Amino acid sequence: MFYVYVLYSKQKGEQYIGYTNDLRRRLTEHLSGKSVYTRHGGTWELVYYEAYRSKTDALQRERKLKGFKKGYAMLKIRIQDSLRSVA
């Protein structure tokens, strides 16, 4: 399986969008400071993920979320309660 995921940092008030083939391992890397971008964001929490059987589908979804503000804005509306519960 391949995953597209969203992390949220309460300290920074920011979200991080990522892609991986091993969600548990990747979360551990983020939380232990092994990821460059999330290293200085305080505590990050998983607020959303999508699972795909196809690597291509997952990568395309990640690019759309990162590259198109409308796609990401629609996702934020879908997960607004999840983001609030962390904040």
PDB file of N, CA and C in Angstrom:
ATOM      1  N   MET A   1       0.840  -1.183   0.000  1.00  0.00           N
ATOM      2  CA  MET A   1       0.000   0.000   0.000  1.00  0.00           C
ATOM      3  C   MET A   1       0.881   1.241   0.000  1.00  0.00           C
ATOM      4  N   PHE A   2       0.317   2.311  -0.525  1.00  0.00           N
ATOM      5  CA  PHE A   2       0.990   3.607  -0.569  1.00  0.00           C
ATOM      6  C   PHE A   2       0.057   4.635   0.062  1.00  0.00           C
ATOM      7  N   TYR A   3       0.620   5.567   0.767  1.00  0.00           N
ATOM      8  CA  TYR A   3      -0.176   6.487   1.561  1.00  0.00           C
ATOM      9  C   TYR A   3       0.165   7.941   1.278  1.00  0.00           C
ATOM     10  N   VAL A   4      -0.864   8.767   1.248  1.00  0.00           N
ATOM     11  CA  VAL A   4      -0.726  10.215   1.252  1.00  0.00           C
ATOM     12  C   VAL A   4      -1.282  10.634   2.608  1.00  0.00           C
ATOM     13  N   TYR A   5      -0.545  11.473   3.317  1.00  0.00           N
ATOM     14  CA  TYR A   5      -0.959  11.797   4.685  1.00  0.00           C
ATOM     15  C   TYR A   5      -0.786  13.280   4.986  1.00  0.00           C
ATOM     16  N   VAL A   6      -1.502  13.722   6.014  1.00  0.00           N
ATOM     17  CA  VAL A   6      -1.418  15.114   6.464  1.00  0.00           C
ATOM     18  C   VAL A   6      -1.082  15.097   7.950  1.00  0.00           C
ATOM     19  N   LEU A   7      -0.029  15.825   8.286  1.00  0.00           N
ATOM     20  CA  LEU A   7       0.350  16.027   9.686  1.00  0.00           C
ATOM     21  C   LEU A   7       0.022  17.470  10.050  1.00  0.00           C
ATOM     22  N   TYR A   8      -0.245  17.694  11.326  1.00  0.00           N
ATOM     23  CA  TYR A   8      -0.528  19.049  11.796  1.00  0.00           C
ATOM     24  C   TYR A   8       0.335  19.348  13.012  1.00  0.00           C
ATOM     25  N   SER A   9       0.937  20.537  13.018  1.00  0.00           N
ATOM     26  CA  SER A   9       1.733  20.992  14.157  1.00  0.00           C
ATOM     27  C   SER A   9       0.982  22.099  14.871  1.00  0.00           C
ATOM     28  N   LYS A  10       0.599  21.847  16.098  1.00  0.00           N
ATOM     29  CA  LYS A  10      -0.096  22.848  16.896  1.00  0.00           C
ATOM     30  C   LYS A  10       0.818  24.050  17.160  1.00  0.00           C
ATOM     31  N   GLN A  11       2.090  23.792  17.412  1.00  0.00           N
ATOM     32  CA  GLN A  11       3.040  24.860  17.719  1.00  0.00           C
ATOM     33  C   GLN A  11       3.200  25.828  16.542  1.00  0.00           C
ATOM     34  N   LYS A  12       3.299  25.294  15.331  1.00  0.00           N
ATOM     35  CA  LYS A  12       3.488  26.132  14.149  1.00  0.00           C
ATOM     36  C   LYS A  12       2.172  26.536  13.496  1.00  0.00           C
ATOM     37  N   GLY A  13       1.106  25.798  13.797  1.00  0.00           N
ATOM     38  CA  GLY A  13      -0.167  26.055  13.135  1.00  0.00           C
ATOM     39  C   GLY A  13      -0.112  25.719  11.653  1.00  0.00           C
ATOM     40  N   GLU A  14       0.709  24.732  11.301  1.00  0.00           N
ATOM     41  CA  GLU A  14       0.923  24.358   9.899  1.00  0.00           C
ATOM     42  C   GLU A  14       0.609  22.890   9.672  1.00  0.00           C
ATOM     43  N   GLN A  15       0.325  22.582   8.392  1.00  0.00           N
ATOM     44  CA  GLN A  15       0.126  21.208   7.979  1.00  0.00           C
ATOM     45  C   GLN A  15       1.299  20.788   7.103  1.00  0.00           C
ATOM     46  N   TYR A  16       1.547  19.487   7.105  1.00  0.00           N
ATOM     47  CA  TYR A  16       2.568  18.900   6.242  1.00  0.00           C
ATOM     48  C   TYR A  16       1.906  17.778   5.460  1.00  0.00           C
ATOM     49  N   ILE A  17       2.099  17.755   4.149  1.00  0.00           N
ATOM     50  CA  ILE A  17       1.552  16.707   3.292  1.00  0.00           C
ATOM     51  C   ILE A  17       2.702  15.838   2.822  1.00  0.00           C
ATOM     52  N   GLY A  18       2.538  14.534   2.943  1.00  0.00           N
ATOM     53  CA  GLY A  18       3.598  13.625   2.533  1.00  0.00           C
ATOM     54  C   GLY A  18       3.064  12.371   1.863  1.00  0.00           C
ATOM     55  N   TYR A  19       3.997  11.572   1.374  1.00  0.00           N
ATOM     56  CA  TYR A  19       3.710  10.308   0.689  1.00  0.00           C
ATOM     57  C   TYR A  19       4.688   9.270   1.218  1.00  0.00           C
ATOM     58  N   THR A  20       4.231   8.038   1.379  1.00  0.00           N
ATOM     59  CA  THR A  20       5.110   6.961   1.825  1.00  0.00           C
ATOM     60  C   THR A  20       4.507   5.608   1.467  1.00  0.00           C
ATOM     61  N   ASN A  21       5.355   4.594   1.516  1.00  0.00           N
ATOM     62  CA  ASN A  21       4.852   3.227   1.363  1.00  0.00           C
ATOM     63  C   ASN A  21       4.793   2.516   2.711  1.00  0.00           C
ATOM     64  N   ASP A  22       5.204   3.191   3.784  1.00  0.00           N
ATOM     65  CA  ASP A  22       5.171   2.629   5.129  1.00  0.00           C
ATOM     66  C   ASP A  22       4.808   3.747   6.109  1.00  0.00           C
ATOM     67  N   LEU A  23       3.530   3.900   6.359  1.00  0.00           N
ATOM     68  CA  LEU A  23       3.039   5.027   7.153  1.00  0.00           C
ATOM     69  C   LEU A  23       3.576   5.009   8.585  1.00  0.00           C
ATOM     70  N   ARG A  24       3.614   3.871   9.218  1.00  0.00           N
ATOM     71  CA  ARG A  24       4.118   3.801  10.609  1.00  0.00           C
ATOM     72  C   ARG A  24       5.587   4.218  10.701  1.00  0.00           C
ATOM     73  N   ARG A  25       6.396   3.712   9.793  1.00  0.00           N
ATOM     74  CA  ARG A  25       7.815   4.077   9.791  1.00  0.00           C
ATOM     75  C   ARG A  25       7.989   5.568   9.560  1.00  0.00           C
ATOM     76  N   ARG A  26       7.249   6.100   8.593  1.00  0.00           N
ATOM     77  CA  ARG A  26       7.387   7.521   8.254  1.00  0.00           C
ATOM     78  C   ARG A  26       6.949   8.411   9.409  1.00  0.00           C
ATOM     79  N   LEU A  27       5.884   8.044  10.098  1.00  0.00           N
ATOM     80  CA  LEU A  27       5.444   8.822  11.267  1.00  0.00           C
ATOM     81  C   LEU A  27       6.509   8.812  12.354  1.00  0.00           C
ATOM     82  N   THR A  28       7.120   7.655  12.564  1.00  0.00           N
ATOM     83  CA  THR A  28       8.204   7.553  13.540  1.00  0.00           C
ATOM     84  C   THR A  28       9.350   8.476  13.154  1.00  0.00           C
ATOM     85  N   GLU A  29       9.685   8.529  11.883  1.00  0.00           N
ATOM     86  CA  GLU A  29      10.748   9.427  11.419  1.00  0.00           C
ATOM     87  C   GLU A  29      10.390  10.890  11.674  1.00  0.00           C
ATOM     88  N   HIS A  30       9.157  11.262  11.386  1.00  0.00           N
ATOM     89  CA  HIS A  30       8.736  12.642  11.640  1.00  0.00           C
ATOM     90  C   HIS A  30       8.809  12.974  13.129  1.00  0.00           C
ATOM     91  N   LEU A  31       8.332  12.086  13.954  1.00  0.00           N
ATOM     92  CA  LEU A  31       8.269  12.358  15.393  1.00  0.00           C
ATOM     93  C   LEU A  31       9.634  12.324  16.066  1.00  0.00           C
ATOM     94  N   SER A  32      10.588  11.616  15.478  1.00  0.00           N
ATOM     95  CA  SER A  32      11.921  11.528  16.069  1.00  0.00           C
ATOM     96  C   SER A  32      12.896  12.564  15.512  1.00  0.00           C
ATOM     97  N   GLY A  33      12.413  13.439  14.616  1.00  0.00           N
ATOM     98  CA  GLY A  33      13.257  14.499  14.085  1.00  0.00           C
ATOM     99  C   GLY A  33      14.119  14.103  12.907  1.00  0.00           C
ATOM    100  N   LYS A  34      13.853  12.964  12.280  1.00  0.00           N
ATOM    101  CA  LYS A  34      14.656  12.516  11.139  1.00  0.00           C
ATOM    102  C   LYS A  34      14.217  13.138   9.821  1.00  0.00           C
ATOM    103  N   SER A  35      13.082  13.811   9.813  1.00  0.00           N
ATOM    104  CA  SER A  35      12.604  14.486   8.614  1.00  0.00           C
ATOM    105  C   SER A  35      13.011  15.958   8.682  1.00  0.00           C
ATOM    106  N   VAL A  36      13.647  16.448   7.636  1.00  0.00           N
ATOM    107  CA  VAL A  36      14.175  17.816   7.626  1.00  0.00           C
ATOM    108  C   VAL A  36      13.073  18.846   7.842  1.00  0.00           C
ATOM    109  N   TYR A  37      11.971  18.737   7.112  1.00  0.00           N
ATOM    110  CA  TYR A  37      10.936  19.764   7.192  1.00  0.00           C
ATOM    111  C   TYR A  37      10.232  19.776   8.543  1.00  0.00           C
ATOM    112  N   THR A  38       9.936  18.627   9.092  1.00  0.00           N
ATOM    113  CA  THR A  38       9.150  18.585  10.329  1.00  0.00           C
ATOM    114  C   THR A  38      10.011  18.587  11.583  1.00  0.00           C
ATOM    115  N   ARG A  39      11.317  18.603  11.425  1.00  0.00           N
ATOM    116  CA  ARG A  39      12.234  18.546  12.560  1.00  0.00           C
ATOM    117  C   ARG A  39      12.009  19.683  13.552  1.00  0.00           C
ATOM    118  N   HIS A  40      11.719  20.885  13.045  1.00  0.00           N
ATOM    119  CA  HIS A  40      11.623  22.060  13.906  1.00  0.00           C
ATOM    120  C   HIS A  40      10.193  22.523  14.135  1.00  0.00           C
ATOM    121  N   GLY A  41       9.235  21.678  13.884  1.00  0.00           N
ATOM    122  CA  GLY A  41       7.834  22.081  14.011  1.00  0.00           C
ATOM    123  C   GLY A  41       7.193  21.706  15.319  1.00  0.00           C
ATOM    124  N   GLY A  42       7.981  21.242  16.271  1.00  0.00           N
ATOM    125  CA  GLY A  42       7.387  20.788  17.525  1.00  0.00           C
ATOM    126  C   GLY A  42       6.781  19.410  17.330  1.00  0.00           C
ATOM    127  N   THR A  43       5.663  19.172  17.954  1.00  0.00           N
ATOM    128  CA  THR A  43       4.991  17.885  17.872  1.00  0.00           C
ATOM    129  C   THR A  43       4.019  17.875  16.701  1.00  0.00           C
ATOM    130  N   TRP A  44       4.163  16.899  15.837  1.00  0.00           N
ATOM    131  CA  TRP A  44       3.278  16.736  14.688  1.00  0.00           C
ATOM    132  C   TRP A  44       2.320  15.595  14.976  1.00  0.00           C
ATOM    133  N   GLU A  45       1.084  15.754  14.539  1.00  0.00           N
ATOM    134  CA  GLU A  45       0.076  14.728  14.755  1.00  0.00           C
ATOM    135  C   GLU A  45      -0.567  14.354  13.419  1.00  0.00           C
ATOM    136  N   LEU A  46      -0.769  13.060  13.202  1.00  0.00           N
ATOM    137  CA  LEU A  46      -1.438  12.586  11.992  1.00  0.00           C
ATOM    138  C   LEU A  46      -2.915  12.955  12.097  1.00  0.00           C
ATOM    139  N   VAL A  47      -3.420  13.710  11.109  1.00  0.00           N
ATOM    140  CA  VAL A  47      -4.828  14.097  11.120  1.00  0.00           C
ATOM    141  C   VAL A  47      -5.608  13.479   9.968  1.00  0.00           C
ATOM    142  N   TYR A  48      -4.891  12.947   8.951  1.00  0.00           N
ATOM    143  CA  TYR A  48      -5.596  12.406   7.791  1.00  0.00           C
ATOM    144  C   TYR A  48      -4.644  11.555   6.962  1.00  0.00           C
ATOM    145  N   TYR A  49      -5.178  10.495   6.360  1.00  0.00           N
ATOM    146  CA  TYR A  49      -4.393   9.749   5.371  1.00  0.00           C
ATOM    147  C   TYR A  49      -5.319   9.062   4.385  1.00  0.00           C
ATOM    148  N   GLU A  50      -4.782   8.800   3.222  1.00  0.00           N
ATOM    149  CA  GLU A  50      -5.471   8.062   2.169  1.00  0.00           C
ATOM    150  C   GLU A  50      -4.567   6.908   1.769  1.00  0.00           C
ATOM    151  N   ALA A  51      -5.146   5.756   1.491  1.00  0.00           N
ATOM    152  CA  ALA A  51      -4.372   4.578   1.083  1.00  0.00           C
ATOM    153  C   ALA A  51      -4.651   4.262  -0.384  1.00  0.00           C
ATOM    154  N   TYR A  52      -3.585   3.895  -1.097  1.00  0.00           N
ATOM    155  CA  TYR A  52      -3.674   3.566  -2.514  1.00  0.00           C
ATOM    156  C   TYR A  52      -2.935   2.262  -2.781  1.00  0.00           C
ATOM    157  N   ARG A  53      -3.431   1.497  -3.726  1.00  0.00           N
ATOM    158  CA  ARG A  53      -2.719   0.295  -4.153  1.00  0.00           C
ATOM    159  C   ARG A  53      -1.644   0.647  -5.160  1.00  0.00           C
ATOM    160  N   SER A  54      -1.828   1.750  -5.858  1.00  0.00           N
ATOM    161  CA  SER A  54      -0.911   2.172  -6.906  1.00  0.00           C
ATOM    162  C   SER A  54      -0.009   3.304  -6.424  1.00  0.00           C
ATOM    163  N   LYS A  55       1.283   3.128  -6.595  1.00  0.00           N
ATOM    164  CA  LYS A  55       2.246   4.173  -6.251  1.00  0.00           C
ATOM    165  C   LYS A  55       1.992   5.423  -7.090  1.00  0.00           C
ATOM    166  N   THR A  56       1.696   5.236  -8.356  1.00  0.00           N
ATOM    167  CA  THR A  56       1.435   6.358  -9.262  1.00  0.00           C
ATOM    168  C   THR A  56       0.241   7.178  -8.782  1.00  0.00           C
ATOM    169  N   ASP A  57      -0.829   6.508  -8.383  1.00  0.00           N
ATOM    170  CA  ASP A  57      -2.008   7.225  -7.889  1.00  0.00           C
ATOM    171  C   ASP A  57      -1.679   8.042  -6.637  1.00  0.00           C
ATOM    172  N   ALA A  58      -0.932   7.446  -5.726  1.00  0.00           N
ATOM    173  CA  ALA A  58      -0.576   8.140  -4.489  1.00  0.00           C
ATOM    174  C   ALA A  58       0.305   9.356  -4.773  1.00  0.00           C
ATOM    175  N   LEU A  59       1.285   9.206  -5.641  1.00  0.00           N
ATOM    176  CA  LEU A  59       2.163  10.327  -5.979  1.00  0.00           C
ATOM    177  C   LEU A  59       1.396  11.445  -6.684  1.00  0.00           C
ATOM    178  N   GLN A  60       0.481  11.081  -7.572  1.00  0.00           N
ATOM    179  CA  GLN A  60      -0.328  12.099  -8.243  1.00  0.00           C
ATOM    180  C   GLN A  60      -1.200  12.853  -7.249  1.00  0.00           C
ATOM    181  N   ARG A  61      -1.774  12.150  -6.297  1.00  0.00           N
ATOM    182  CA  ARG A  61      -2.617  12.793  -5.283  1.00  0.00           C
ATOM    183  C   ARG A  61      -1.782  13.740  -4.417  1.00  0.00           C
ATOM    184  N   GLU A  62      -0.605  13.305  -4.010  1.00  0.00           N
ATOM    185  CA  GLU A  62       0.263  14.165  -3.208  1.00  0.00           C
ATOM    186  C   GLU A  62       0.613  15.436  -3.987  1.00  0.00           C
ATOM    187  N   ARG A  63       0.978  15.292  -5.241  1.00  0.00           N
ATOM    188  CA  ARG A  63       1.326  16.462  -6.067  1.00  0.00           C
ATOM    189  C   ARG A  63       0.149  17.412  -6.216  1.00  0.00           C
ATOM    190  N   LYS A  64      -1.056  16.850  -6.387  1.00  0.00           N
ATOM    191  CA  LYS A  64      -2.235  17.704  -6.517  1.00  0.00           C
ATOM    192  C   LYS A  64      -2.499  18.472  -5.222  1.00  0.00           C
ATOM    193  N   LEU A  65      -2.347  17.815  -4.101  1.00  0.00           N
ATOM    194  CA  LEU A  65      -2.574  18.501  -2.824  1.00  0.00           C
ATOM    195  C   LEU A  65      -1.525  19.580  -2.572  1.00  0.00           C
ATOM    196  N   LYS A  66      -0.290  19.295  -2.937  1.00  0.00           N
ATOM    197  CA  LYS A  66       0.781  20.265  -2.711  1.00  0.00           C
ATOM    198  C   LYS A  66       0.782  21.380  -3.754  1.00  0.00           C
ATOM    199  N   GLY A  67       0.376  21.067  -4.967  1.00  0.00           N
ATOM    200  CA  GLY A  67       0.533  22.015  -6.054  1.00  0.00           C
ATOM    201  C   GLY A  67      -0.688  22.846  -6.404  1.00  0.00           C
ATOM    202  N   PHE A  68      -1.857  22.401  -6.005  1.00  0.00           N
ATOM    203  CA  PHE A  68      -3.083  23.104  -6.375  1.00  0.00           C
ATOM    204  C   PHE A  68      -3.810  23.550  -5.118  1.00  0.00           C
ATOM    205  N   LYS A  69      -3.864  24.835  -4.916  1.00  0.00           N
ATOM    206  CA  LYS A  69      -4.484  25.372  -3.701  1.00  0.00           C
ATOM    207  C   LYS A  69      -5.943  24.958  -3.565  1.00  0.00           C
ATOM    208  N   LYS A  70      -6.640  24.854  -4.679  1.00  0.00           N
ATOM    209  CA  LYS A  70      -8.056  24.476  -4.625  1.00  0.00           C
ATOM    210  C   LYS A  70      -8.219  23.051  -4.081  1.00  0.00           C
ATOM    211  N   GLY A  71      -7.373  22.123  -4.538  1.00  0.00           N
ATOM    212  CA  GLY A  71      -7.450  20.748  -4.055  1.00  0.00           C
ATOM    213  C   GLY A  71      -7.166  20.646  -2.574  1.00  0.00           C
ATOM    214  N   TYR A  72      -6.160  21.394  -2.123  1.00  0.00           N
ATOM    215  CA  TYR A  72      -5.827  21.373  -0.700  1.00  0.00           C
ATOM    216  C   TYR A  72      -6.902  22.076   0.124  1.00  0.00           C
ATOM    217  N   ALA A  73      -7.472  23.152  -0.413  1.00  0.00           N
ATOM    218  CA  ALA A  73      -8.543  23.861   0.294  1.00  0.00           C
ATOM    219  C   ALA A  73      -9.752  22.944   0.475  1.00  0.00           C
ATOM    220  N   MET A  74     -10.062  22.155  -0.538  1.00  0.00           N
ATOM    221  CA  MET A  74     -11.187  21.228  -0.427  1.00  0.00           C
ATOM    222  C   MET A  74     -10.903  20.147   0.615  1.00  0.00           C
ATOM    223  N   LEU A  75      -9.662  19.667   0.671  1.00  0.00           N
ATOM    224  CA  LEU A  75      -9.306  18.676   1.684  1.00  0.00           C
ATOM    225  C   LEU A  75      -9.423  19.281   3.079  1.00  0.00           C
ATOM    226  N   LYS A  76      -8.963  20.514   3.262  1.00  0.00           N
ATOM    227  CA  LYS A  76      -9.063  21.163   4.568  1.00  0.00           C
ATOM    228  C   LYS A  76     -10.512  21.281   5.026  1.00  0.00           C
ATOM    229  N   ILE A  77     -11.422  21.517   4.090  1.00  0.00           N
ATOM    230  CA  ILE A  77     -12.845  21.566   4.433  1.00  0.00           C
ATOM    231  C   ILE A  77     -13.313  20.193   4.895  1.00  0.00           C
ATOM    232  N   ARG A  78     -12.865  19.142   4.204  1.00  0.00           N
ATOM    233  CA  ARG A  78     -13.262  17.765   4.564  1.00  0.00           C
ATOM    234  C   ARG A  78     -12.771  17.371   5.946  1.00  0.00           C
ATOM    235  N   ILE A  79     -11.581  17.864   6.328  1.00  0.00           N
ATOM    236  CA  ILE A  79     -10.992  17.424   7.601  1.00  0.00           C
ATOM    237  C   ILE A  79     -10.966  18.550   8.639  1.00  0.00           C
ATOM    238  N   GLN A  80     -11.815  19.558   8.486  1.00  0.00           N
ATOM    239  CA  GLN A  80     -11.787  20.702   9.381  1.00  0.00           C
ATOM    240  C   GLN A  80     -11.973  20.321  10.846  1.00  0.00           C
ATOM    241  N   ASP A  81     -12.846  19.376  11.141  1.00  0.00           N
ATOM    242  CA  ASP A  81     -13.032  18.956  12.542  1.00  0.00           C
ATOM    243  C   ASP A  81     -11.803  18.265  13.084  1.00  0.00           C
ATOM    244  N   SER A  82     -11.119  17.502  12.254  1.00  0.00           N
ATOM    245  CA  SER A  82      -9.873  16.845  12.680  1.00  0.00           C
ATOM    246  C   SER A  82      -8.801  17.875  12.985  1.00  0.00           C
ATOM    247  N   LEU A  83      -8.716  18.909  12.171  1.00  0.00           N
ATOM    248  CA  LEU A  83      -7.720  19.962  12.407  1.00  0.00           C
ATOM    249  C   LEU A  83      -8.056  20.742  13.674  1.00  0.00           C
ATOM    250  N   ARG A  84      -9.326  20.990  13.912  1.00  0.00           N
ATOM    251  CA  ARG A  84      -9.748  21.714  15.122  1.00  0.00           C
ATOM    252  C   ARG A  84      -9.468  20.910  16.381  1.00  0.00           C
ATOM    253  N   SER A  85      -9.677  19.609  16.312  1.00  0.00           N
ATOM    254  CA  SER A  85      -9.498  18.788  17.515  1.00  0.00           C
ATOM    255  C   SER A  85      -8.043  18.735  17.957  1.00  0.00           C
ATOM    256  N   VAL A  86      -7.114  18.990  17.027  1.00  0.00           N
ATOM    257  CA  VAL A  86      -5.692  19.012  17.356  1.00  0.00           C
ATOM    258  C   VAL A  86      -5.311  20.381  17.879  1.00  0.00           C
ATOM    259  N   ALA A  87      -5.873  21.410  17.280  1.00  0.00           N
ATOM    260  CA  ALA A  87      -5.506  22.800  17.607  1.00  0.00           C
ATOM    261  C   ALA A  87      -5.928  23.238  18.966  1.00  0.00           C
TER     262      ALA A  87
END
